[in-house]
C-alpha cells in the first residue's frame, strides 16, 4: 500500500469523528429538550397522538 492511503484513512477518521461530535452537540442543544422529553414519554402514554401532531407542553412549560 502506498503512504497516501494512510493519509486518506486519517482524514476519513477525523471527518467521522467531527461528524459524530457535531451530531452529539446538536442532540444536546437546549431547544431539543422539549421534543426529546415528549418522545421519551410517548411509550408510556395510553392515548393516541393529537390530531394536529403538536408537541404537548412539558411540565415546566405548564407551570409558567
N, C-alpha and C. Protein backbone atom coordinates (compact mmCIF):
# COMPACT_ATOMS: atom_id res chain seq x y z
N UNK A 1 0.84 -1.18 0.00
CA UNK A 1 0.00 0.00 0.00
C UNK A 1 0.88 1.25 0.00
N UNK A 2 0.39 2.25 -0.65
CA UNK A 2 1.16 3.49 -0.70
C UNK A 2 0.86 4.33 0.54
N UNK A 3 1.76 5.24 0.88
CA UNK A 3 1.57 6.10 2.05
C UNK A 3 0.36 7.03 1.92
N UNK A 4 -0.11 7.22 0.71
CA UNK A 4 -1.27 8.10 0.51
C UNK A 4 -2.50 7.53 1.21
N UNK A 5 -2.64 6.19 1.20
CA UNK A 5 -3.80 5.57 1.83
C UNK A 5 -3.82 5.83 3.33
N UNK A 6 -2.68 5.93 3.95
CA UNK A 6 -2.63 6.26 5.37
C UNK A 6 -3.18 7.64 5.64
N UNK A 7 -2.85 8.60 4.78
CA UNK A 7 -3.36 9.95 4.94
C UNK A 7 -4.85 10.01 4.66
N UNK A 8 -5.30 9.29 3.64
CA UNK A 8 -6.73 9.25 3.31
C UNK A 8 -7.50 8.65 4.48
N UNK A 9 -7.00 7.55 5.04
CA UNK A 9 -7.67 6.94 6.18
C UNK A 9 -7.70 7.88 7.37
N UNK A 10 -6.62 8.59 7.61
CA UNK A 10 -6.57 9.56 8.71
C UNK A 10 -7.57 10.67 8.53
N UNK A 11 -7.68 11.20 7.32
CA UNK A 11 -8.63 12.27 7.05
C UNK A 11 -10.06 11.76 7.23
N UNK A 12 -10.34 10.56 6.75
CA UNK A 12 -11.69 10.00 6.90
C UNK A 12 -12.04 9.78 8.37
N UNK A 13 -11.10 9.33 9.15
CA UNK A 13 -11.36 9.12 10.58
C UNK A 13 -11.63 10.45 11.27
N UNK A 14 -10.86 11.46 10.94
CA UNK A 14 -11.08 12.79 11.53
C UNK A 14 -12.45 13.32 11.12
N UNK A 15 -12.84 13.15 9.85
CA UNK A 15 -14.16 13.61 9.39
C UNK A 15 -15.29 12.87 10.11
N UNK A 16 -15.13 11.57 10.29
CA UNK A 16 -16.15 10.80 11.01
C UNK A 16 -16.24 11.23 12.47
N UNK A 17 -15.10 11.50 13.09
CA UNK A 17 -15.10 11.94 14.48
C UNK A 17 -15.76 13.32 14.62
N UNK A 18 -15.45 14.23 13.71
CA UNK A 18 -16.06 15.56 13.75
C UNK A 18 -17.57 15.46 13.52
N UNK A 19 -17.99 14.59 12.61
CA UNK A 19 -19.42 14.39 12.36
C UNK A 19 -20.10 13.84 13.60
N UNK A 20 -19.51 12.85 14.24
CA UNK A 20 -20.09 12.28 15.46
C UNK A 20 -20.22 13.33 16.55
N UNK A 21 -19.17 14.11 16.77
CA UNK A 21 -19.22 15.15 17.80
C UNK A 21 -20.26 16.21 17.44
N UNK A 22 -20.37 16.55 16.16
CA UNK A 22 -21.38 17.52 15.74
C UNK A 22 -22.80 17.03 15.99
N UNK A 23 -23.06 15.77 15.70
CA UNK A 23 -24.39 15.22 15.96
C UNK A 23 -24.65 15.16 17.46
N UNK A 24 -23.65 14.80 18.24
CA UNK A 24 -23.79 14.74 19.69
C UNK A 24 -24.11 16.12 20.26
N UNK A 25 -23.41 17.14 19.81
CA UNK A 25 -23.66 18.50 20.28
C UNK A 25 -25.06 18.94 19.86
N UNK A 26 -25.46 18.65 18.62
CA UNK A 26 -26.79 19.01 18.13
C UNK A 26 -27.87 18.38 19.00
N UNK A 27 -27.69 17.12 19.38
CA UNK A 27 -28.69 16.42 20.17
C UNK A 27 -28.82 17.00 21.57
N UNK A 28 -27.76 17.58 22.10
CA UNK A 28 -27.79 18.12 23.46
C UNK A 28 -28.11 19.61 23.51
N UNK A 29 -28.44 20.23 22.38
CA UNK A 29 -28.81 21.64 22.41
C UNK A 29 -30.10 21.82 23.22
N UNK A 30 -30.19 22.90 23.97
CA UNK A 30 -31.34 23.10 24.86
C UNK A 30 -32.69 23.13 24.14
N UNK A 31 -32.75 23.62 22.92
CA UNK A 31 -34.07 23.72 22.29
C UNK A 31 -34.61 22.38 21.81
N UNK A 32 -33.84 21.30 21.94
CA UNK A 32 -34.34 19.96 21.63
C UNK A 32 -34.92 19.26 22.85
N UNK A 33 -34.78 19.85 24.02
CA UNK A 33 -35.20 19.21 25.27
C UNK A 33 -36.70 18.91 25.25
N UNK A 34 -37.50 19.84 24.78
CA UNK A 34 -38.95 19.66 24.76
C UNK A 34 -39.34 18.48 23.86
N UNK A 35 -38.80 18.43 22.68
CA UNK A 35 -39.14 17.36 21.73
C UNK A 35 -38.66 16.01 22.25
N UNK A 36 -37.42 15.93 22.73
CA UNK A 36 -36.89 14.67 23.20
C UNK A 36 -37.61 14.21 24.47
N UNK A 37 -38.02 15.15 25.32
CA UNK A 37 -38.79 14.78 26.51
C UNK A 37 -40.14 14.19 26.12
N UNK A 38 -40.78 14.78 25.14
CA UNK A 38 -42.06 14.27 24.67
C UNK A 38 -41.89 12.88 24.05
N UNK A 39 -40.86 12.71 23.26
CA UNK A 39 -40.61 11.42 22.64
C UNK A 39 -40.27 10.35 23.69
N UNK A 40 -39.60 10.73 24.77
CA UNK A 40 -39.26 9.78 25.81
C UNK A 40 -40.50 9.31 26.57
N UNK A 41 -41.49 10.21 26.73
CA UNK A 41 -42.72 9.84 27.44
C UNK A 41 -43.74 9.15 26.55
N UNK A 42 -43.55 9.18 25.27
CA UNK A 42 -44.53 8.65 24.32
C UNK A 42 -44.89 7.18 24.56
N UNK A 43 -43.95 6.28 24.81
CA UNK A 43 -44.34 4.88 25.02
C UNK A 43 -45.19 4.66 26.28
N UNK A 44 -45.14 5.58 27.23
CA UNK A 44 -45.87 5.42 28.48
C UNK A 44 -47.29 5.96 28.41
N UNK A 45 -47.64 6.65 27.34
CA UNK A 45 -48.97 7.24 27.22
C UNK A 45 -49.96 6.22 26.68
N UNK A 46 -51.19 6.28 27.21
CA UNK A 46 -52.24 5.38 26.76
C UNK A 46 -53.01 5.94 25.58
N UNK A 47 -53.07 7.24 25.48
CA UNK A 47 -53.86 7.84 24.41
C UNK A 47 -53.05 7.96 23.13
N UNK A 48 -53.73 8.22 22.03
CA UNK A 48 -53.04 8.40 20.76
C UNK A 48 -52.55 9.83 20.63
N UNK A 49 -51.75 10.09 19.63
CA UNK A 49 -51.19 11.43 19.41
C UNK A 49 -52.30 12.39 19.02
N UNK A 50 -52.15 13.67 19.35
CA UNK A 50 -53.15 14.66 18.95
C UNK A 50 -53.30 14.68 17.43
N UNK A 51 -54.48 15.12 16.99
CA UNK A 51 -54.77 15.12 15.56
C UNK A 51 -53.83 16.03 14.78
N UNK A 52 -53.43 17.14 15.38
CA UNK A 52 -52.57 18.07 14.66
C UNK A 52 -51.09 17.75 14.84
N UNK A 53 -50.76 16.65 15.56
CA UNK A 53 -49.39 16.21 15.81
C UNK A 53 -48.55 17.29 16.50
N UNK A 54 -49.21 18.11 17.30
CA UNK A 54 -48.49 19.13 18.04
C UNK A 54 -47.79 18.49 19.23
N UNK A 55 -46.66 19.01 19.58
CA UNK A 55 -45.92 18.50 20.73
C UNK A 55 -46.53 19.15 21.97
N UNK A 56 -47.06 18.35 22.90
CA UNK A 56 -47.67 18.94 24.08
C UNK A 56 -46.61 19.62 24.95
N UNK A 57 -47.03 20.62 25.72
CA UNK A 57 -46.06 21.33 26.58
C UNK A 57 -45.56 20.41 27.68
N UNK A 58 -44.34 20.67 28.13
CA UNK A 58 -43.77 19.89 29.23
C UNK A 58 -44.31 20.41 30.55
N UNK A 59 -44.03 19.70 31.61
CA UNK A 59 -44.50 20.12 32.94
C UNK A 59 -43.94 21.50 33.29
N UNK A 60 -42.69 21.75 32.92
CA UNK A 60 -42.08 23.04 33.22
C UNK A 60 -42.80 24.16 32.48
N UNK A 61 -43.19 23.91 31.24
CA UNK A 61 -43.88 24.94 30.46
C UNK A 61 -45.29 25.18 30.99
N UNK A 62 -45.95 24.15 31.51
CA UNK A 62 -47.30 24.30 32.06
C UNK A 62 -47.27 25.10 33.36
N UNK A 63 -46.18 24.99 34.12
CA UNK A 63 -46.07 25.72 35.38
C UNK A 63 -45.87 27.21 35.18
N UNK A 64 -45.40 27.61 34.02
CA UNK A 64 -45.13 29.04 33.78
C UNK A 64 -46.39 29.81 33.55
